[in-house]
PDB file of N, CA and C in Angstrom:
ATOM      1  N   UNK A   1     104.004  20.770 218.692  1.00  0.00           N
ATOM      2  CA  UNK A   1     105.442  20.602 218.620  1.00  0.00           C
ATOM      3  C   UNK A   1     106.028  20.911 219.971  1.00  0.00           C
ATOM      4  N   UNK A   2     106.919  20.117 220.354  1.00  0.00           N
ATOM      5  CA  UNK A   2     107.546  20.317 221.649  1.00  0.00           C
ATOM      6  C   UNK A   2     108.852  21.057 221.518  1.00  0.00           C
ATOM      7  N   UNK A   3     109.297  21.613 222.578  1.00  0.00           N
ATOM      8  CA  UNK A   3     110.562  22.342 222.596  1.00  0.00           C
ATOM      9  C   UNK A   3     111.669  21.401 223.026  1.00  0.00           C
ATOM     10  N   UNK A   4     112.857  21.632 222.446  1.00  0.00           N
ATOM     11  CA  UNK A   4     114.002  20.818 222.806  1.00  0.00           C
ATOM     12  C   UNK A   4     114.865  21.617 223.750  1.00  0.00           C
ATOM     13  N   UNK A   5     115.281  20.990 224.773  1.00  0.00           N
ATOM     14  CA  UNK A   5     116.135  21.659 225.758  1.00  0.00           C
ATOM     15  C   UNK A   5     117.501  20.995 225.721  1.00  0.00           C
ATOM     16  N   UNK A   6     118.546  21.833 225.603  1.00  0.00           N
ATOM     17  CA  UNK A   6     119.909  21.319 225.578  1.00  0.00           C
ATOM     18  C   UNK A   6     120.573  21.737 226.871  1.00  0.00           C
ATOM     19  N   UNK A   7     121.211  20.828 227.481  1.00  0.00           N
ATOM     20  CA  UNK A   7     121.919  21.121 228.721  1.00  0.00           C
ATOM     21  C   UNK A   7     123.389  21.325 228.372  1.00  0.00           C
ATOM     22  N   UNK A   8     123.913  22.514 228.747  1.00  0.00           N
ATOM     23  CA  UNK A   8     125.307  22.854 228.459  1.00  0.00           C
ATOM     24  C   UNK A   8     125.984  23.276 229.746  1.00  0.00           C
ATOM     25  N   UNK A   9     127.279  23.075 229.810  1.00  0.00           N
ATOM     26  CA  UNK A   9     127.999  23.573 230.976  1.00  0.00           C
ATOM     27  C   UNK A   9     127.943  25.105 231.005  1.00  0.00           C
ATOM     28  N   UNK A  10     127.963  25.681 232.171  1.00  0.00           N
ATOM     29  CA  UNK A  10     127.880  27.134 232.335  1.00  0.00           C
ATOM     30  C   UNK A  10     129.019  27.843 231.602  1.00  0.00           C
ATOM     31  N   UNK A  11     130.188  27.255 231.514  1.00  0.00           N
ATOM     32  CA  UNK A  11     131.323  27.886 230.822  1.00  0.00           C
ATOM     33  C   UNK A  11     131.025  28.078 229.334  1.00  0.00           C
ATOM     34  N   UNK A  12     130.281  27.136 228.730  1.00  0.00           N
ATOM     35  CA  UNK A  12     129.907  27.276 227.320  1.00  0.00           C
ATOM     36  C   UNK A  12     128.929  28.429 227.148  1.00  0.00           C
ATOM     37  N   UNK A  13     127.989  28.510 228.045  1.00  0.00           N
ATOM     38  CA  UNK A  13     126.986  29.574 227.983  1.00  0.00           C
ATOM     39  C   UNK A  13     127.658  30.929 228.162  1.00  0.00           C
ATOM     40  N   UNK A  14     128.582  31.020 229.116  1.00  0.00           N
ATOM     41  CA  UNK A  14     129.306  32.283 229.342  1.00  0.00           C
ATOM     42  C   UNK A  14     130.109  32.674 228.099  1.00  0.00           C
ATOM     43  N   UNK A  15     130.762  31.716 227.501  1.00  0.00           N
ATOM     44  CA  UNK A  15     131.576  31.977 226.299  1.00  0.00           C
ATOM     45  C   UNK A  15     130.693  32.431 225.133  1.00  0.00           C
ATOM     46  N   UNK A  16     129.565  31.749 224.922  1.00  0.00           N
ATOM     47  CA  UNK A  16     128.630  32.105 223.864  1.00  0.00           C
ATOM     48  C   UNK A  16     128.079  33.506 224.087  1.00  0.00           C
ATOM     49  N   UNK A  17     127.718  33.827 225.304  1.00  0.00           N
ATOM     50  CA  UNK A  17     127.195  35.156 225.626  1.00  0.00           C
ATOM     51  C   UNK A  17     128.251  36.223 225.347  1.00  0.00           C
ATOM     52  N   UNK A  18     129.497  35.949 225.727  1.00  0.00           N
ATOM     53  CA  UNK A  18     130.590  36.905 225.493  1.00  0.00           C
ATOM     54  C   UNK A  18     130.793  37.130 223.999  1.00  0.00           C
ATOM     55  N   UNK A  19     130.786  36.068 223.200  1.00  0.00           N
ATOM     56  CA  UNK A  19     130.944  36.200 221.752  1.00  0.00           C
ATOM     57  C   UNK A  19     129.813  37.018 221.139  1.00  0.00           C
ATOM     58  N   UNK A  20     128.603  36.810 221.608  1.00  0.00           N
ATOM     59  CA  UNK A  20     127.450  37.521 221.052  1.00  0.00           C
ATOM     60  C   UNK A  20     127.462  38.996 221.437  1.00  0.00           C
ATOM     61  N   UNK A  21     127.901  39.326 222.614  1.00  0.00           N
ATOM     62  CA  UNK A  21     127.868  40.727 223.057  1.00  0.00           C
ATOM     63  C   UNK A  21     129.109  41.496 222.640  1.00  0.00           C
ATOM     64  N   UNK A  22     130.213  40.815 222.390  1.00  0.00           N
ATOM     65  CA  UNK A  22     131.451  41.500 221.998  1.00  0.00           C
ATOM     66  C   UNK A  22     131.448  41.920 220.537  1.00  0.00           C
ATOM     67  N   UNK A  23     130.763  41.214 219.687  1.00  0.00           N
ATOM     68  CA  UNK A  23     130.818  41.480 218.248  1.00  0.00           C
ATOM     69  C   UNK A  23     129.552  42.177 217.783  1.00  0.00           C
ATOM     70  N   UNK A  24     129.739  43.259 217.060  1.00  0.00           N
ATOM     71  CA  UNK A  24     128.616  43.977 216.459  1.00  0.00           C
ATOM     72  C   UNK A  24     128.786  43.906 214.953  1.00  0.00           C
ATOM     73  N   UNK A  25     127.736  43.563 214.219  1.00  0.00           N
ATOM     74  CA  UNK A  25     127.849  43.455 212.754  1.00  0.00           C
ATOM     75  C   UNK A  25     128.348  44.758 212.136  1.00  0.00           C
ATOM     76  N   UNK A  26     129.222  44.635 211.152  1.00  0.00           N
ATOM     77  CA  UNK A  26     129.757  45.808 210.464  1.00  0.00           C
ATOM     78  C   UNK A  26     130.915  46.452 211.204  1.00  0.00           C
ATOM     79  N   UNK A  27     131.227  45.948 212.364  1.00  0.00           N
ATOM     80  CA  UNK A  27     132.320  46.529 213.144  1.00  0.00           C
ATOM     81  C   UNK A  27     133.483  45.556 213.147  1.00  0.00           C
ATOM     82  N   UNK A  28     134.663  46.078 212.900  1.00  0.00           N
ATOM     83  CA  UNK A  28     135.834  45.213 212.872  1.00  0.00           C
ATOM     84  C   UNK A  28     136.258  44.881 214.290  1.00  0.00           C
ATOM     85  N   UNK A  29     136.737  43.697 214.463  1.00  0.00           N
ATOM     86  CA  UNK A  29     137.222  43.285 215.777  1.00  0.00           C
ATOM     87  C   UNK A  29     138.706  43.560 215.858  1.00  0.00           C
ATOM     88  N   UNK A  30     139.140  43.997 216.998  1.00  0.00           N
ATOM     89  CA  UNK A  30     140.549  44.285 217.217  1.00  0.00           C
ATOM     90  C   UNK A  30     141.233  43.025 217.700  1.00  0.00           C
ATOM     91  N   UNK A  31     142.165  42.546 216.899  1.00  0.00           N
ATOM     92  CA  UNK A  31     142.856  41.320 217.269  1.00  0.00           C
ATOM     93  C   UNK A  31     144.119  41.604 218.062  1.00  0.00           C
ATOM     94  N   UNK A  32     144.427  42.889 218.252  1.00  0.00           N
ATOM     95  CA  UNK A  32     145.647  43.241 218.953  1.00  0.00           C
ATOM     96  C   UNK A  32     146.832  43.382 218.020  1.00  0.00           C
ATOM     97  N   UNK A  33     146.648  43.055 216.747  1.00  0.00           N
ATOM     98  CA  UNK A  33     147.709  43.189 215.763  1.00  0.00           C
ATOM     99  C   UNK A  33     147.489  44.462 214.971  1.00  0.00           C
ATOM    100  N   UNK A  34     148.558  45.137 214.664  1.00  0.00           N
ATOM    101  CA  UNK A  34     148.407  46.310 213.800  1.00  0.00           C
ATOM    102  C   UNK A  34     149.084  46.006 212.476  1.00  0.00           C
ATOM    103  N   UNK A  35     148.465  46.468 211.426  1.00  0.00           N
ATOM    104  CA  UNK A  35     148.986  46.243 210.087  1.00  0.00           C
ATOM    105  C   UNK A  35     149.229  47.604 209.468  1.00  0.00           C
ATOM    106  N   UNK A  36     150.432  47.800 208.997  1.00  0.00           N
ATOM    107  CA  UNK A  36     150.763  49.054 208.341  1.00  0.00           C
ATOM    108  C   UNK A  36     150.897  48.775 206.853  1.00  0.00           C
ATOM    109  N   UNK A  37     150.157  49.554 206.074  1.00  0.00           N
ATOM    110  CA  UNK A  37     150.212  49.370 204.626  1.00  0.00           C
ATOM    111  C   UNK A  37     151.612  49.704 204.126  1.00  0.00           C
ATOM    112  N   UNK A  38     152.116  48.873 203.241  1.00  0.00           N
ATOM    113  CA  UNK A  38     153.443  49.118 202.673  1.00  0.00           C
ATOM    114  C   UNK A  38     153.360  50.285 201.707  1.00  0.00           C
ATOM    115  N   UNK A  39     154.255  51.219 201.859  1.00  0.00           N
ATOM    116  CA  UNK A  39     154.302  52.358 200.945  1.00  0.00           C
ATOM    117  C   UNK A  39     155.101  51.968 199.714  1.00  0.00           C
ATOM    118  N   UNK A  40     154.546  52.252 198.548  1.00  0.00           N
ATOM    119  CA  UNK A  40     155.323  51.941 197.343  1.00  0.00           C
ATOM    120  C   UNK A  40     156.528  52.870 197.253  1.00  0.00           C
ATOM    121  N   UNK A  41     157.629  52.330 196.794  1.00  0.00           N
ATOM    122  CA  UNK A  41     158.827  53.155 196.627  1.00  0.00           C
ATOM    123  C   UNK A  41     158.688  53.929 195.329  1.00  0.00           C
ATOM    124  N   UNK A  42     158.694  55.231 195.452  1.00  0.00           N
ATOM    125  CA  UNK A  42     158.533  56.086 194.286  1.00  0.00           C
ATOM    126  C   UNK A  42     159.896  56.494 193.755  1.00  0.00           C
ATOM    127  N   UNK A  43     160.006  56.480 192.456  1.00  0.00           N
ATOM    128  CA  UNK A  43     161.227  56.934 191.799  1.00  0.00           C
ATOM    129  C   UNK A  43     160.882  58.081 190.881  1.00  0.00           C
ATOM    130  N   UNK A  44     161.808  58.991 190.742  1.00  0.00           N
ATOM    131  CA  UNK A  44     161.616  60.073 189.784  1.00  0.00           C
ATOM    132  C   UNK A  44     161.689  59.477 188.383  1.00  0.00           C
ATOM    133  N   UNK A  45     160.870  59.982 187.465  1.00  0.00           N
ATOM    134  CA  UNK A  45     160.943  59.466 186.093  1.00  0.00           C
ATOM    135  C   UNK A  45     162.274  59.849 185.455  1.00  0.00           C
ATOM    136  N   UNK A  46     162.757  59.068 184.498  1.00  0.00           N
ATOM    137  CA  UNK A  46     164.012  59.408 183.822  1.00  0.00           C
ATOM    138  C   UNK A  46     163.904  60.779 183.162  1.00  0.00           C
ATOM    139  N   UNK A  47     164.995  61.503 183.188  1.00  0.00           N
ATOM    140  CA  UNK A  47     165.040  62.854 182.632  1.00  0.00           C
ATOM    141  C   UNK A  47     165.832  62.845 181.322  1.00  0.00           C
ATOM    142  N   UNK A  48     165.437  63.749 180.425  1.00  0.00           N
ATOM    143  CA  UNK A  48     166.077  63.841 179.111  1.00  0.00           C
ATOM    144  C   UNK A  48     166.460  65.286 178.823  1.00  0.00           C
ATOM    145  N   UNK A  49     167.679  65.453 178.288  1.00  0.00           N
ATOM    146  CA  UNK A  49     168.139  66.783 177.878  1.00  0.00           C
ATOM    147  C   UNK A  49     167.650  67.041 176.462  1.00  0.00           C
ATOM    148  N   UNK A  50     167.101  68.231 176.248  1.00  0.00           N
ATOM    149  CA  UNK A  50     166.724  68.657 174.901  1.00  0.00           C
ATOM    150  C   UNK A  50     167.862  69.538 174.398  1.00  0.00           C
ATOM    151  N   UNK A  51     168.406  69.186 173.232  1.00  0.00           N
ATOM    152  CA  UNK A  51     169.592  69.852 172.690  1.00  0.00           C
ATOM    153  C   UNK A  51     169.284  70.538 171.364  1.00  0.00           C
ATOM    154  N   UNK A  52     169.914  71.685 171.155  1.00  0.00           N
ATOM    155  CA  UNK A  52     169.894  72.338 169.841  1.00  0.00           C
ATOM    156  C   UNK A  52     171.285  72.215 169.254  1.00  0.00           C
ATOM    157  N   UNK A  53     171.351  71.883 167.956  1.00  0.00           N
ATOM    158  CA  UNK A  53     172.630  71.719 167.269  1.00  0.00           C
ATOM    159  C   UNK A  53     172.881  72.920 166.365  1.00  0.00           C
ATOM    160  N   UNK A  54     174.107  73.380 166.365  1.00  0.00           N
ATOM    161  CA  UNK A  54     174.479  74.522 165.526  1.00  0.00           C
ATOM    162  C   UNK A  54     174.512  74.110 164.053  1.00  0.00           C
ATOM    163  N   UNK A  55     174.186  75.059 163.196  1.00  0.00           N
ATOM    164  CA  UNK A  55     174.365  74.878 161.755  1.00  0.00           C
ATOM    165  C   UNK A  55     174.805  76.223 161.184  1.00  0.00           C
ATOM    166  N   UNK A  56     175.220  76.216 159.933  1.00  0.00           N
ATOM    167  CA  UNK A  56     175.752  77.439 159.316  1.00  0.00           C
ATOM    168  C   UNK A  56     174.691  78.298 158.641  1.00  0.00           C
ATOM    169  N   UNK A  57     173.418  77.926 158.746  1.00  0.00           N
ATOM    170  CA  UNK A  57     172.390  78.623 157.972  1.00  0.00           C
ATOM    171  C   UNK A  57     171.284  79.275 158.809  1.00  0.00           C
ATOM    172  N   UNK A  58     170.967  78.714 159.944  1.00  0.00           N
ATOM    173  CA  UNK A  58     169.878  79.267 160.763  1.00  0.00           C
ATOM    174  C   UNK A  58     170.328  80.568 161.411  1.00  0.00           C
ATOM    175  N   UNK A  59     169.572  81.654 161.230  1.00  0.00           N
ATOM    176  CA  UNK A  59     169.951  82.934 161.839  1.00  0.00           C
ATOM    177  C   UNK A  59     169.933  82.852 163.373  1.00  0.00           C
ATOM    178  N   UNK A  60     170.862  83.556 163.989  1.00  0.00           N
ATOM    179  CA  UNK A  60     170.955  83.568 165.451  1.00  0.00           C
ATOM    180  C   UNK A  60     169.656  84.072 166.080  1.00  0.00           C
ATOM    181  N   UNK A  61     169.046  85.055 165.463  1.00  0.00           N
ATOM    182  CA  UNK A  61     167.803  85.615 166.013  1.00  0.00           C
ATOM    183  C   UNK A  61     166.681  84.572 166.011  1.00  0.00           C
ATOM    184  N   UNK A  62     166.682  83.685 165.019  1.00  0.00           N
ATOM    185  CA  UNK A  62     165.673  82.625 164.977  1.00  0.00           C
ATOM    186  C   UNK A  62     165.890  81.646 166.132  1.00  0.00           C
ATOM    187  N   UNK A  63     167.146  81.323 166.435  1.00  0.00           N
ATOM    188  CA  UNK A  63     167.456  80.422 167.555  1.00  0.00           C
ATOM    189  C   UNK A  63     166.985  81.058 168.862  1.00  0.00           C
ATOM    190  N   UNK A  64     167.219  82.350 169.029  1.00  0.00           N
ATOM    191  CA  UNK A  64     166.761  83.060 170.232  1.00  0.00           C
ATOM    192  C   UNK A  64     165.235  82.978 170.323  1.00  0.00           C
ATOM    193  N   UNK A  65     164.558  83.195 169.215  1.00  0.00           N
ATOM    194  CA  UNK A  65     163.096  83.117 169.182  1.00  0.00           C
ATOM    195  C   UNK A  65     162.604  81.727 169.591  1.00  0.00           C
ATOM    196  N   UNK A  66     163.260  80.686 169.098  1.00  0.00           N
ATOM    197  CA  UNK A  66     162.895  79.306 169.454  1.00  0.00           C
ATOM    198  C   UNK A  66     163.060  79.088 170.956  1.00  0.00           C
ATOM    199  N   UNK A  67     164.170  79.542 171.508  1.00  0.00           N
ATOM    200  CA  UNK A  67     164.422  79.363 172.941  1.00  0.00           C
ATOM    201  C   UNK A  67     163.394  80.115 173.789  1.00  0.00           C
ATOM    202  N   UNK A  68     163.008  81.291 173.347  1.00  0.00           N
ATOM    203  CA  UNK A  68     161.990  82.060 174.074  1.00  0.00           C
ATOM    204  C   UNK A  68     160.617  81.400 173.957  1.00  0.00           C
ATOM    205  N   UNK A  69     160.277  80.989 172.751  1.00  0.00           N
ATOM    206  CA  UNK A  69     158.935  80.464 172.471  1.00  0.00           C
ATOM    207  C   UNK A  69     158.698  79.081 173.065  1.00  0.00           C
ATOM    208  N   UNK A  70     159.633  78.168 172.867  1.00  0.00           N
ATOM    209  CA  UNK A  70     159.405  76.777 173.256  1.00  0.00           C
ATOM    210  C   UNK A  70     159.987  76.399 174.615  1.00  0.00           C
ATOM    211  N   UNK A  71     160.896  77.226 175.124  1.00  0.00           N
ATOM    212  CA  UNK A  71     161.530  76.878 176.398  1.00  0.00           C
ATOM    213  C   UNK A  71     161.335  77.944 177.472  1.00  0.00           C
ATOM    214  N   UNK A  72     160.536  78.957 177.166  1.00  0.00           N
ATOM    215  CA  UNK A  72     160.169  79.960 178.163  1.00  0.00           C
ATOM    216  C   UNK A  72     161.311  80.806 178.683  1.00  0.00           C
ATOM    217  N   UNK A  73     162.357  80.958 177.896  1.00  0.00           N
ATOM    218  CA  UNK A  73     163.511  81.750 178.341  1.00  0.00           C
ATOM    219  C   UNK A  73     163.275  83.227 178.053  1.00  0.00           C
ATOM    220  N   UNK A  74     163.875  84.073 178.906  1.00  0.00           N
ATOM    221  CA  UNK A  74     163.845  85.505 178.604  1.00  0.00           C
ATOM    222  C   UNK A  74     164.921  85.792 177.555  1.00  0.00           C
ATOM    223  N   UNK A  75     164.923  86.983 177.018  1.00  0.00           N
ATOM    224  CA  UNK A  75     165.835  87.338 175.918  1.00  0.00           C
ATOM    225  C   UNK A  75     167.296  87.127 176.323  1.00  0.00           C
ATOM    226  N   UNK A  76     167.661  87.545 177.535  1.00  0.00           N
ATOM    227  CA  UNK A  76     169.061  87.435 177.970  1.00  0.00           C
ATOM    228  C   UNK A  76     169.512  85.976 178.050  1.00  0.00           C
ATOM    229  N   UNK A  77     168.714  85.132 178.702  1.00  0.00           N
ATOM    230  CA  UNK A  77     169.061  83.710 178.836  1.00  0.00           C
ATOM    231  C   UNK A  77     169.090  83.035 177.459  1.00  0.00           C
ATOM    232  N   UNK A  78     168.112  83.336 176.614  1.00  0.00           N
ATOM    233  CA  UNK A  78     168.057  82.750 175.269  1.00  0.00           C
ATOM    234  C   UNK A  78     169.284  83.147 174.454  1.00  0.00           C
ATOM    235  N   UNK A  79     169.727  84.388 174.596  1.00  0.00           N
ATOM    236  CA  UNK A  79     170.918  84.854 173.868  1.00  0.00           C
ATOM    237  C   UNK A  79     172.169  84.133 174.367  1.00  0.00           C
ATOM    238  N   UNK A  80     172.273  83.935 175.682  1.00  0.00           N
ATOM    239  CA  UNK A  80     173.423  83.199 176.241  1.00  0.00           C
ATOM    240  C   UNK A  80     173.475  81.771 175.703  1.00  0.00           C
ATOM    241  N   UNK A  81     172.331  81.095 175.708  1.00  0.00           N
ATOM    242  CA  UNK A  81     172.287  79.713 175.209  1.00  0.00           C
ATOM    243  C   UNK A  81     172.598  79.679 173.715  1.00  0.00           C
ATOM    244  N   UNK A  82     172.051  80.622 172.964  1.00  0.00           N
ATOM    245  CA  UNK A  82     172.306  80.679 171.515  1.00  0.00           C
ATOM    246  C   UNK A  82     173.800  80.847 171.244  1.00  0.00           C
ATOM    247  N   UNK A  83     174.472  81.732 171.988  1.00  0.00           N
ATOM    248  CA  UNK A  83     175.918  81.932 171.800  1.00  0.00           C
ATOM    249  C   UNK A  83     176.703  80.678 172.178  1.00  0.00           C
ATOM    250  N   UNK A  84     176.253  79.990 173.212  1.00  0.00           N
ATOM    251  CA  UNK A  84     176.885  78.726 173.601  1.00  0.00           C
ATOM    252  C   UNK A  84     176.754  77.705 172.459  1.00  0.00           C
ATOM    253  N   UNK A  85     175.567  77.602 171.886  1.00  0.00           N
ATOM    254  CA  UNK A  85     175.336  76.682 170.759  1.00  0.00           C
ATOM    255  C   UNK A  85     176.208  77.080 169.570  1.00  0.00           C
ATOM    256  N   UNK A  86     176.292  78.369 169.302  1.00  0.00           N
ATOM    257  CA  UNK A  86     177.064  78.877 168.163  1.00  0.00           C
ATOM    258  C   UNK A  86     178.559  78.578 168.313  1.00  0.00           C
ATOM    259  N   UNK A  87     179.085  78.733 169.531  1.00  0.00           N
ATOM    260  CA  UNK A  87     180.531  78.542 169.733  1.00  0.00           C
ATOM    261  C   UNK A  87     180.913  77.088 169.992  1.00  0.00           C
ATOM    262  N   UNK A  88     180.046  76.313 170.621  1.00  0.00           N
ATOM    263  CA  UNK A  88     180.392  74.934 170.981  1.00  0.00           C
ATOM    264  C   UNK A  88     179.742  73.881 170.095  1.00  0.00           C
ATOM    265  N   UNK A  89     178.783  74.286 169.292  1.00  0.00           N
ATOM    266  CA  UNK A  89     178.159  73.337 168.369  1.00  0.00           C
ATOM    267  C   UNK A  89     176.882  72.691 168.874  1.00  0.00           C
ATOM    268  N   UNK A  90     176.668  72.716 170.172  1.00  0.00           N
ATOM    269  CA  UNK A  90     175.472  72.110 170.764  1.00  0.00           C
ATOM    270  C   UNK A  90     175.213  72.769 172.115  1.00  0.00           C
ATOM    271  N   UNK A  91     173.939  72.830 172.490  1.00  0.00           N
ATOM    272  CA  UNK A  91     173.595  73.411 173.786  1.00  0.00           C
ATOM    273  C   UNK A  91     172.325  72.802 174.341  1.00  0.00           C
ATOM    274  N   UNK A  92     172.244  72.775 175.663  1.00  0.00           N
ATOM    275  CA  UNK A  92     171.077  72.222 176.354  1.00  0.00           C
ATOM    276  C   UNK A  92     170.026  73.316 176.513  1.00  0.00           C
ATOM    277  N   UNK A  93     168.824  73.018 176.055  1.00  0.00           N
ATOM    278  CA  UNK A  93     167.702  73.962 176.174  1.00  0.00           C
ATOM    279  C   UNK A  93     166.909  73.729 177.450  1.00  0.00           C
ATOM    280  N   UNK A  94     166.964  72.518 177.972  1.00  0.00           N
ATOM    281  CA  UNK A  94     166.233  72.171 179.186  1.00  0.00           C
ATOM    282  C   UNK A  94     166.279  70.678 179.428  1.00  0.00           C
ATOM    283  N   UNK A  95     165.843  70.287 180.623  1.00  0.00           N
ATOM    284  CA  UNK A  95     165.797  68.876 181.002  1.00  0.00           C
ATOM    285  C   UNK A  95     164.353  68.567 181.399  1.00  0.00           C
ATOM    286  N   UNK A  96     163.795  67.502 180.802  1.00  0.00           N
ATOM    287  CA  UNK A  96     162.378  67.198 180.954  1.00  0.00           C
ATOM    288  C   UNK A  96     162.161  65.691 181.039  1.00  0.00           C
ATOM    289  N   UNK A  97     160.939  65.310 181.400  1.00  0.00           N
ATOM    290  CA  UNK A  97     160.570  63.896 181.308  1.00  0.00           C
ATOM    291  C   UNK A  97     160.507  63.521 179.827  1.00  0.00           C
ATOM    292  N   UNK A  98     160.491  62.231 179.554  1.00  0.00           N
ATOM    293  CA  UNK A  98     160.579  61.755 178.167  1.00  0.00           C
ATOM    294  C   UNK A  98     159.466  62.310 177.276  1.00  0.00           C
ATOM    295  N   UNK A  99     158.226  62.249 177.731  1.00  0.00           N
ATOM    296  CA  UNK A  99     157.104  62.720 176.901  1.00  0.00           C
ATOM    297  C   UNK A  99     157.227  64.200 176.571  1.00  0.00           C
ATOM    298  N   UNK A 100     157.583  64.987 177.557  1.00  0.00           N
ATOM    299  CA  UNK A 100     157.710  66.431 177.332  1.00  0.00           C
ATOM    300  C   UNK A 100     158.887  66.714 176.409  1.00  0.00           C
ATOM    301  N   UNK A 101     160.008  66.024 176.632  1.00  0.00           N
ATOM    302  CA  UNK A 101     161.181  66.220 175.771  1.00  0.00           C
ATOM    303  C   UNK A 101     160.851  65.858 174.320  1.00  0.00           C
ATOM    304  N   UNK A 102     160.181  64.731 174.111  1.00  0.00           N
ATOM    305  CA  UNK A 102     159.810  64.327 172.745  1.00  0.00           C
ATOM    306  C   UNK A 102     158.902  65.367 172.088  1.00  0.00           C
ATOM    307  N   UNK A 103     157.977  65.894 172.852  1.00  0.00           N
ATOM    308  CA  UNK A 103     157.065  66.907 172.317  1.00  0.00           C
ATOM    309  C   UNK A 103     157.817  68.164 171.922  1.00  0.00           C
ATOM    310  N   UNK A 104     158.722  68.625 172.784  1.00  0.00           N
ATOM    311  CA  UNK A 104     159.483  69.843 172.486  1.00  0.00           C
ATOM    312  C   UNK A 104     160.374  69.650 171.258  1.00  0.00           C
ATOM    313  N   UNK A 105     161.023  68.498 171.159  1.00  0.00           N
ATOM    314  CA  UNK A 105     161.869  68.210 169.993  1.00  0.00           C
ATOM    315  C   UNK A 105     161.027  68.275 168.717  1.00  0.00           C
ATOM    316  N   UNK A 106     159.881  67.637 168.726  1.00  0.00           N
ATOM    317  CA  UNK A 106     159.013  67.630 167.535  1.00  0.00           C
ATOM    318  C   UNK A 106     158.525  69.039 167.207  1.00  0.00           C
ATOM    319  N   UNK A 107     158.127  69.796 168.228  1.00  0.00           N
ATOM    320  CA  UNK A 107     157.632  71.159 167.993  1.00  0.00           C
ATOM    321  C   UNK A 107     158.708  72.051 167.390  1.00  0.00           C
ATOM    322  N   UNK A 108     159.916  71.989 167.961  1.00  0.00           N
ATOM    323  CA  UNK A 108     161.008  72.836 167.462  1.00  0.00           C
ATOM    324  C   UNK A 108     161.375  72.444 166.035  1.00  0.00           C
ATOM    325  N   UNK A 109     161.521  71.148 165.771  1.00  0.00           N
ATOM    326  CA  UNK A 109     161.879  70.708 164.418  1.00  0.00           C
ATOM    327  C   UNK A 109     160.800  71.081 163.397  1.00  0.00           C
ATOM    328  N   UNK A 110     159.541  70.912 163.762  1.00  0.00           N
ATOM    329  CA  UNK A 110     158.444  71.303 162.857  1.00  0.00           C
ATOM    330  C   UNK A 110     158.453  72.809 162.603  1.00  0.00           C
ATOM    331  N   UNK A 111     158.662  73.569 163.659  1.00  0.00           N
ATOM    332  CA  UNK A 111     158.678  75.033 163.537  1.00  0.00           C
ATOM    333  C   UNK A 111     159.836  75.488 162.639  1.00  0.00           C
ATOM    334  N   UNK A 112     161.020  74.897 162.852  1.00  0.00           N
ATOM    335  CA  UNK A 112     162.189  75.255 162.033  1.00  0.00           C
ATOM    336  C   UNK A 112     161.937  74.913 160.561  1.00  0.00           C
ATOM    337  N   UNK A 113     161.395  73.718 160.294  1.00  0.00           N
ATOM    338  CA  UNK A 113     161.123  73.322 158.905  1.00  0.00           C
ATOM    339  C   UNK A 113     160.080  74.241 158.259  1.00  0.00           C
ATOM    340  N   UNK A 114     159.066  74.616 159.039  1.00  0.00           N
ATOM    341  CA  UNK A 114     158.013  75.470 158.473  1.00  0.00           C
ATOM    342  C   UNK A 114     158.536  76.869 158.138  1.00  0.00           C
ATOM    343  N   UNK A 115     159.692  77.234 158.720  1.00  0.00           N
ATOM    344  CA  UNK A 115     160.327  78.521 158.406  1.00  0.00           C
ATOM    345  C   UNK A 115     161.575  78.330 157.528  1.00  0.00           C
ATOM    346  N   UNK A 116     161.695  77.162 156.920  1.00  0.00           N
ATOM    347  CA  UNK A 116     162.786  76.821 156.003  1.00  0.00           C
ATOM    348  C   UNK A 116     164.178  76.968 156.634  1.00  0.00           C
ATOM    349  N   UNK A 117     164.306  76.560 157.905  1.00  0.00           N
ATOM    350  CA  UNK A 117     165.615  76.564 158.570  1.00  0.00           C
ATOM    351  C   UNK A 117     166.013  75.126 158.891  1.00  0.00           C
ATOM    352  N   UNK A 118     167.301  74.799 158.759  1.00  0.00           N
ATOM    353  CA  UNK A 118     167.757  73.430 159.031  1.00  0.00           C
ATOM    354  C   UNK A 118     168.074  73.167 160.513  1.00  0.00           C
ATOM    355  N   UNK A 119     167.657  74.039 161.400  1.00  0.00           N
ATOM    356  CA  UNK A 119     167.937  73.880 162.835  1.00  0.00           C
ATOM    357  C   UNK A 119     167.487  72.502 163.304  1.00  0.00           C
ATOM    358  N   UNK A 120     168.378  71.813 164.033  1.00  0.00           N
ATOM    359  CA  UNK A 120     168.080  70.464 164.527  1.00  0.00           C
ATOM    360  C   UNK A 120     167.955  70.476 166.038  1.00  0.00           C
ATOM    361  N   UNK A 121     166.896  69.860 166.504  1.00  0.00           N
ATOM    362  CA  UNK A 121     166.670  69.685 167.938  1.00  0.00           C
ATOM    363  C   UNK A 121     166.640  68.186 168.201  1.00  0.00           C
ATOM    364  N   UNK A 122     167.366  67.741 169.221  1.00  0.00           N
ATOM    365  CA  UNK A 122     167.416  66.321 169.577  1.00  0.00           C
ATOM    366  C   UNK A 122     167.276  66.196 171.087  1.00  0.00           C
ATOM    367  N   UNK A 123     167.288  64.951 171.550  1.00  0.00           N
ATOM    368  CA  UNK A 123     167.240  64.707 172.990  1.00  0.00           C
ATOM    369  C   UNK A 123     168.122  63.519 173.329  1.00  0.00           C
ATOM    370  N   UNK A 124     168.585  63.503 174.581  1.00  0.00           N
ATOM    371  CA  UNK A 124     169.360  62.368 175.080  1.00  0.00           C
ATOM    372  C   UNK A 124     169.093  62.238 176.566  1.00  0.00           C
ATOM    373  N   UNK A 125     169.277  61.029 177.071  1.00  0.00           N
ATOM    374  CA  UNK A 125     169.030  60.798 178.492  1.00  0.00           C
ATOM    375  C   UNK A 125     170.014  61.611 179.322  1.00  0.00           C
ATOM    376  N   UNK A 126     169.491  62.245 180.355  1.00  0.00           N
ATOM    377  CA  UNK A 126     170.331  63.106 181.210  1.00  0.00           C
ATOM    378  C   UNK A 126     171.172  62.278 182.160  1.00  0.00           C
TER     379      UNK A 126
END
């Protein structure tokens, strides 16, 4: 078998040599352009107020216990909120994301029912 010889202009050979020596496999080539990844715009999740409604039957001490147990309030803060609920008919226990607010509402209502109290806990968008 004979060898084939191709005659090329020197400029082609120089260009081919440059392409072969400039590029290394697995290495990215710098095109001179920079690309900055777009940052997603983050929004805070919607917030919901958890409310306790006053009634004429639930003992004040039970409301204080609920505020301490389910909302992490100390006795003084729980008593202030309980008095606010008693005098105004409704009071905010806390502001949470939707899932947490729904969980707290269900826990408080279940707890009140299990102790035979009509205390109502609800939520609304803040």
